[in-house]
N, C-alpha and C. Protein backbone atom coordinates (compact mmCIF):
# COMPACT_ATOMS: atom_id res chain seq x y z
N MET A 1 148.02 152.60 -126.88
CA MET A 1 146.87 152.04 -126.33
C MET A 1 146.42 152.90 -125.17
N LYS A 2 147.27 153.34 -124.45
CA LYS A 2 146.65 154.28 -123.35
C LYS A 2 145.73 155.39 -123.85
N THR A 3 146.32 156.13 -125.00
CA THR A 3 145.42 157.09 -125.38
C THR A 3 143.91 156.65 -125.83
N LEU A 4 143.91 155.46 -126.46
CA LEU A 4 142.85 155.01 -127.01
C LEU A 4 141.84 154.55 -125.81
N ARG A 5 142.52 154.07 -124.72
CA ARG A 5 141.54 153.72 -123.47
C ARG A 5 141.23 154.97 -122.93
N GLN A 6 142.00 156.04 -122.70
CA GLN A 6 141.37 157.27 -122.22
C GLN A 6 140.38 157.91 -123.13
N ILE A 7 140.43 157.90 -124.41
CA ILE A 7 139.35 158.31 -125.33
C ILE A 7 138.18 157.44 -125.08
N GLY A 8 138.18 156.18 -124.91
CA GLY A 8 137.10 155.31 -124.63
C GLY A 8 136.34 155.68 -123.30
N SER A 9 137.30 156.05 -122.36
CA SER A 9 136.74 156.37 -120.99
C SER A 9 135.94 157.45 -121.00
N ILE A 10 136.50 158.53 -121.75
CA ILE A 10 135.70 159.86 -122.01
C ILE A 10 134.43 159.60 -122.56
N VAL A 11 134.49 158.87 -123.65
CA VAL A 11 133.10 158.46 -124.38
C VAL A 11 132.15 157.84 -123.68
N PHE A 12 132.69 156.83 -122.82
CA PHE A 12 132.00 155.96 -121.96
C PHE A 12 131.21 157.01 -120.92
N VAL A 13 131.92 157.82 -120.33
CA VAL A 13 131.40 158.77 -119.25
C VAL A 13 130.41 159.61 -119.90
N ALA A 14 130.62 160.19 -120.95
CA ALA A 14 129.82 161.15 -121.61
C ALA A 14 128.41 160.43 -121.86
N GLY A 15 128.63 159.35 -122.50
CA GLY A 15 127.42 158.62 -122.92
C GLY A 15 126.47 158.20 -121.66
N LEU A 16 127.24 157.86 -120.50
CA LEU A 16 126.57 157.49 -119.27
C LEU A 16 125.84 158.67 -118.86
N PHE A 17 126.51 159.63 -118.63
CA PHE A 17 125.84 160.93 -117.99
C PHE A 17 124.56 161.49 -119.01
N VAL A 18 124.82 161.45 -120.20
CA VAL A 18 123.62 161.95 -121.13
C VAL A 18 122.65 161.08 -120.87
N SER A 19 122.77 159.73 -121.04
CA SER A 19 121.91 158.62 -120.97
C SER A 19 121.04 158.83 -119.54
N LEU A 20 121.84 158.89 -118.56
CA LEU A 20 121.16 158.99 -117.27
C LEU A 20 120.38 160.31 -116.88
N PHE A 21 121.22 161.41 -117.10
CA PHE A 21 120.59 162.68 -116.70
C PHE A 21 119.84 163.52 -117.84
N ALA A 22 119.93 162.90 -118.92
CA ALA A 22 118.84 163.67 -120.01
C ALA A 22 118.00 162.43 -120.51
N GLY A 23 118.41 161.18 -120.74
CA GLY A 23 117.61 160.12 -121.26
C GLY A 23 116.51 159.75 -120.33
N LEU A 24 116.83 159.46 -119.05
CA LEU A 24 115.75 159.08 -118.15
C LEU A 24 114.65 160.18 -117.89
N PRO A 25 115.04 161.34 -117.77
CA PRO A 25 113.90 162.44 -117.63
C PRO A 25 113.12 162.47 -118.77
N TRP A 26 113.72 162.41 -120.02
CA TRP A 26 113.02 162.51 -121.39
C TRP A 26 112.16 161.23 -121.33
N ALA A 27 112.56 160.13 -120.94
CA ALA A 27 111.61 158.85 -120.99
C ALA A 27 110.49 159.04 -120.00
N VAL A 28 110.58 159.64 -118.87
CA VAL A 28 109.58 159.78 -117.88
C VAL A 28 108.58 160.78 -118.51
N ILE A 29 108.94 161.83 -119.06
CA ILE A 29 108.07 162.99 -119.59
C ILE A 29 107.28 162.46 -120.85
N VAL A 30 108.10 161.75 -121.68
CA VAL A 30 107.38 161.28 -123.09
C VAL A 30 107.19 159.80 -122.91
N GLU A 31 106.54 159.28 -121.83
CA GLU A 31 106.44 157.87 -121.87
C GLU A 31 105.56 157.20 -122.79
N ASN A 32 104.59 157.81 -123.47
CA ASN A 32 103.77 157.15 -124.29
C ASN A 32 104.46 157.15 -125.82
N ASP A 33 105.42 157.92 -126.14
CA ASP A 33 106.00 157.97 -127.51
C ASP A 33 107.04 156.90 -127.56
N PRO A 34 106.82 156.02 -128.42
CA PRO A 34 107.78 154.77 -128.51
C PRO A 34 109.00 155.10 -129.34
N VAL A 35 109.16 156.23 -129.99
CA VAL A 35 110.21 156.40 -130.78
C VAL A 35 111.46 157.16 -130.00
N ILE A 36 112.55 156.71 -130.03
CA ILE A 36 113.66 157.20 -129.19
C ILE A 36 114.55 158.09 -130.15
N PRO A 37 114.66 159.31 -129.60
CA PRO A 37 115.34 160.25 -130.38
C PRO A 37 116.86 159.72 -130.74
N MET A 38 117.28 160.69 -131.70
CA MET A 38 118.69 160.14 -132.35
C MET A 38 119.72 160.63 -131.19
N TRP A 39 119.71 161.65 -130.43
CA TRP A 39 120.58 162.06 -129.46
C TRP A 39 120.77 161.02 -128.24
N LEU A 40 119.59 160.31 -127.98
CA LEU A 40 119.64 159.40 -126.93
C LEU A 40 120.26 158.04 -127.41
N ARG A 41 119.95 157.68 -128.66
CA ARG A 41 120.57 156.55 -129.38
C ARG A 41 122.09 156.72 -129.41
N VAL A 42 122.53 157.94 -129.77
CA VAL A 42 123.99 158.11 -129.71
C VAL A 42 124.70 157.93 -128.44
N ALA A 43 123.87 158.54 -127.40
CA ALA A 43 124.42 158.41 -126.00
C ALA A 43 124.47 157.03 -125.57
N ILE A 44 123.53 156.26 -125.84
CA ILE A 44 123.57 154.85 -125.43
C ILE A 44 124.63 154.03 -126.19
N PHE A 45 124.85 154.23 -127.50
CA PHE A 45 125.85 153.73 -128.03
C PHE A 45 127.20 154.11 -127.80
N SER A 46 127.35 155.44 -127.34
CA SER A 46 128.68 155.76 -126.82
C SER A 46 128.92 155.23 -125.53
N PHE A 47 127.94 154.96 -124.73
CA PHE A 47 128.03 154.44 -123.46
C PHE A 47 128.55 153.06 -123.60
N LEU A 48 127.97 152.33 -124.42
CA LEU A 48 128.25 150.78 -124.54
C LEU A 48 129.56 150.70 -125.42
N GLY A 49 129.91 151.62 -126.49
CA GLY A 49 131.03 151.43 -127.27
C GLY A 49 132.23 151.84 -126.42
N GLY A 50 132.07 152.90 -125.58
CA GLY A 50 133.27 153.40 -124.89
C GLY A 50 133.73 152.26 -123.78
N PHE A 51 132.83 151.62 -123.29
CA PHE A 51 132.94 150.46 -122.29
C PHE A 51 133.65 149.29 -122.98
N LEU A 52 133.24 149.05 -124.19
CA LEU A 52 133.89 148.10 -124.96
C LEU A 52 135.27 148.45 -125.37
N VAL A 53 135.55 149.53 -125.87
CA VAL A 53 136.84 150.10 -126.04
C VAL A 53 137.80 149.83 -124.78
N VAL A 54 137.46 150.48 -123.67
CA VAL A 54 138.29 150.30 -122.52
C VAL A 54 138.43 148.86 -122.19
N LEU A 55 137.54 148.00 -122.32
CA LEU A 55 137.82 146.50 -121.92
C LEU A 55 138.78 145.94 -122.86
N ILE A 56 138.58 146.05 -124.15
CA ILE A 56 139.48 145.68 -125.23
C ILE A 56 141.07 146.04 -125.14
N THR A 57 141.05 147.38 -124.95
CA THR A 57 142.56 148.00 -124.61
C THR A 57 143.17 147.27 -123.36
N LEU A 58 142.32 147.14 -122.27
CA LEU A 58 142.83 146.70 -121.00
C LEU A 58 143.31 145.26 -121.41
N ALA A 59 142.53 144.40 -122.09
CA ALA A 59 142.81 143.13 -122.48
C ALA A 59 144.17 142.95 -123.20
N CYS A 60 144.25 143.89 -124.08
CA CYS A 60 145.50 143.88 -125.00
C CYS A 60 146.74 144.21 -124.18
N GLU A 61 146.55 145.24 -123.23
CA GLU A 61 147.67 145.60 -122.48
C GLU A 61 148.18 144.43 -121.53
N GLN A 62 147.03 143.77 -120.93
CA GLN A 62 147.42 142.73 -120.04
C GLN A 62 148.02 141.47 -120.87
N LEU A 63 147.70 141.20 -122.02
CA LEU A 63 148.30 140.35 -122.82
C LEU A 63 149.71 140.39 -123.16
N ALA A 64 149.98 141.84 -123.42
CA ALA A 64 151.24 142.13 -123.85
C ALA A 64 152.30 142.01 -122.52
N ARG A 65 151.77 142.26 -121.41
CA ARG A 65 152.54 142.11 -120.16
C ARG A 65 152.91 140.52 -119.89
N TRP A 66 152.01 139.51 -120.31
CA TRP A 66 152.33 138.25 -119.85
C TRP A 66 153.59 137.65 -120.47
N PRO A 67 154.42 137.02 -119.76
CA PRO A 67 155.66 136.46 -120.36
C PRO A 67 155.31 135.19 -121.13
N ILE A 68 156.09 135.09 -122.16
CA ILE A 68 155.89 133.79 -123.05
C ILE A 68 156.87 132.57 -122.38
N VAL A 69 156.23 131.68 -122.01
CA VAL A 69 156.80 130.56 -121.37
C VAL A 69 156.99 129.48 -122.41
N GLU A 70 158.16 129.12 -122.70
CA GLU A 70 158.42 128.09 -123.62
C GLU A 70 158.38 126.70 -123.17
N SER A 71 158.80 126.60 -121.87
CA SER A 71 158.78 125.23 -121.25
C SER A 71 158.11 125.34 -119.91
N THR A 72 157.57 124.38 -119.41
CA THR A 72 156.92 124.42 -117.99
C THR A 72 157.90 123.73 -117.01
N PRO A 73 158.33 124.61 -116.01
CA PRO A 73 159.32 123.97 -114.97
C PRO A 73 158.60 122.95 -114.23
N GLU A 74 159.51 122.25 -113.57
CA GLU A 74 159.00 121.22 -112.81
C GLU A 74 158.36 121.69 -111.50
N LEU A 75 157.18 121.25 -111.13
CA LEU A 75 156.34 121.90 -110.00
C LEU A 75 156.63 120.95 -108.68
N GLU A 76 157.21 119.89 -108.89
CA GLU A 76 157.54 119.15 -107.60
C GLU A 76 158.85 119.73 -106.88
N PRO A 77 158.78 119.56 -105.57
CA PRO A 77 159.91 119.91 -104.86
C PRO A 77 161.16 119.01 -104.96
N LYS A 78 162.32 119.57 -105.06
CA LYS A 78 163.53 118.79 -105.37
C LYS A 78 163.89 117.91 -104.11
N THR A 79 163.83 118.55 -103.08
CA THR A 79 163.96 117.85 -101.63
C THR A 79 162.82 118.08 -100.65
N PRO A 80 162.65 117.13 -99.75
CA PRO A 80 161.58 117.33 -98.79
C PRO A 80 161.53 118.60 -98.02
N SER A 81 162.75 119.14 -97.83
CA SER A 81 162.88 120.46 -97.22
C SER A 81 162.27 121.66 -97.97
N ASP A 82 162.16 121.35 -99.27
CA ASP A 82 161.64 122.42 -100.19
C ASP A 82 160.17 122.53 -100.23
N SER A 83 159.43 121.58 -99.69
CA SER A 83 158.13 121.51 -99.62
C SER A 83 157.48 122.19 -98.36
N MET A 84 156.35 122.84 -98.54
CA MET A 84 155.73 123.41 -97.43
C MET A 84 154.21 123.16 -97.51
N LEU A 85 153.51 122.80 -96.45
CA LEU A 85 152.02 122.55 -96.32
C LEU A 85 151.47 123.89 -95.67
N THR A 86 150.51 124.50 -96.42
CA THR A 86 149.84 125.59 -95.78
C THR A 86 148.30 125.25 -95.80
N LEU A 87 147.62 125.61 -94.59
CA LEU A 87 146.30 125.40 -94.36
C LEU A 87 145.60 126.39 -93.49
N ASN A 88 144.42 126.35 -93.22
CA ASN A 88 143.77 127.21 -92.46
C ASN A 88 143.63 126.89 -91.07
N SER A 89 144.11 125.68 -90.47
CA SER A 89 143.89 125.31 -89.11
C SER A 89 144.94 125.61 -88.30
N ASP A 90 144.99 125.45 -87.07
CA ASP A 90 146.04 125.56 -86.18
C ASP A 90 147.09 124.46 -86.14
N THR A 91 146.66 123.29 -86.23
CA THR A 91 147.40 122.03 -86.09
C THR A 91 147.20 121.21 -87.45
N VAL A 92 148.18 120.10 -87.66
CA VAL A 92 147.96 119.26 -88.63
C VAL A 92 148.13 117.91 -87.94
N PRO A 93 147.27 117.06 -88.06
CA PRO A 93 147.27 115.69 -87.39
C PRO A 93 148.39 114.89 -87.78
N GLY A 94 149.29 114.57 -86.82
CA GLY A 94 150.34 113.68 -87.15
C GLY A 94 151.56 114.35 -87.58
N ARG A 95 151.58 115.68 -87.59
CA ARG A 95 152.70 116.42 -88.03
C ARG A 95 153.08 117.49 -86.90
N PRO A 96 154.39 117.51 -86.64
CA PRO A 96 154.73 118.60 -85.73
C PRO A 96 154.87 120.10 -86.38
N VAL A 97 154.48 121.07 -85.55
CA VAL A 97 154.69 122.45 -86.15
C VAL A 97 156.16 122.76 -85.98
N THR A 98 156.91 123.10 -87.15
CA THR A 98 158.36 123.33 -87.19
C THR A 98 158.75 124.94 -86.99
N GLU A 99 157.78 125.64 -87.57
CA GLU A 99 158.12 127.09 -87.69
C GLU A 99 156.88 127.87 -87.77
N VAL A 100 156.74 129.02 -87.15
CA VAL A 100 155.58 129.96 -87.18
C VAL A 100 155.95 131.00 -87.92
N LEU A 101 155.20 131.46 -89.03
CA LEU A 101 155.43 132.67 -89.64
C LEU A 101 154.31 133.52 -89.45
N GLY A 102 154.28 134.67 -88.71
CA GLY A 102 153.24 135.43 -88.42
C GLY A 102 152.14 134.59 -87.50
N ALA A 103 150.98 134.60 -88.06
CA ALA A 103 149.87 133.96 -87.40
C ALA A 103 149.66 132.44 -87.90
N TYR A 104 150.73 132.05 -88.79
CA TYR A 104 150.51 130.66 -89.47
C TYR A 104 151.71 129.84 -89.10
N GLY A 105 151.48 128.57 -89.00
CA GLY A 105 152.45 127.62 -88.70
C GLY A 105 152.95 126.97 -89.97
N VAL A 106 154.20 126.39 -89.97
CA VAL A 106 154.70 125.57 -91.15
C VAL A 106 155.06 124.17 -90.61
N CYS A 107 154.53 123.29 -91.36
CA CYS A 107 154.65 121.77 -90.83
C CYS A 107 155.64 121.15 -91.85
N ASP A 108 156.51 120.36 -91.29
CA ASP A 108 157.55 119.61 -91.98
C ASP A 108 156.66 118.46 -92.67
N LEU A 109 156.84 118.27 -94.12
CA LEU A 109 156.01 117.31 -94.82
C LEU A 109 156.96 115.99 -94.90
N ALA A 110 158.18 116.02 -94.55
CA ALA A 110 158.94 114.76 -94.42
C ALA A 110 158.56 113.91 -93.12
N GLY A 111 157.78 114.56 -92.29
CA GLY A 111 157.43 113.83 -91.17
C GLY A 111 158.47 113.65 -90.03
N GLN A 112 159.47 114.54 -89.99
CA GLN A 112 160.49 114.48 -89.04
C GLN A 112 160.26 115.08 -87.73
């Protein structure tokens, strides 16, 4: 996959540079001619195809790295001390700040 992604990257960059640095000046010089030459068509399709190959290979590599989960673990905390409330304010109304981690405070959800 890595080799295919590198080839797609090279094709993408080559198509991009030919389209920008040769295709745009050609379009400015020959603005009245509606026929697009074959070399510019190949460059544009190389640009788009290389981009597509890179995206597909990256997606396949990411899917291969995801672990397969057969069962969903319980998301609820087992005891009140296992739960932690996190927010963006300095205080929580009705709850004492029990611990400060860096710039953030941790409140006890059990209300002790």
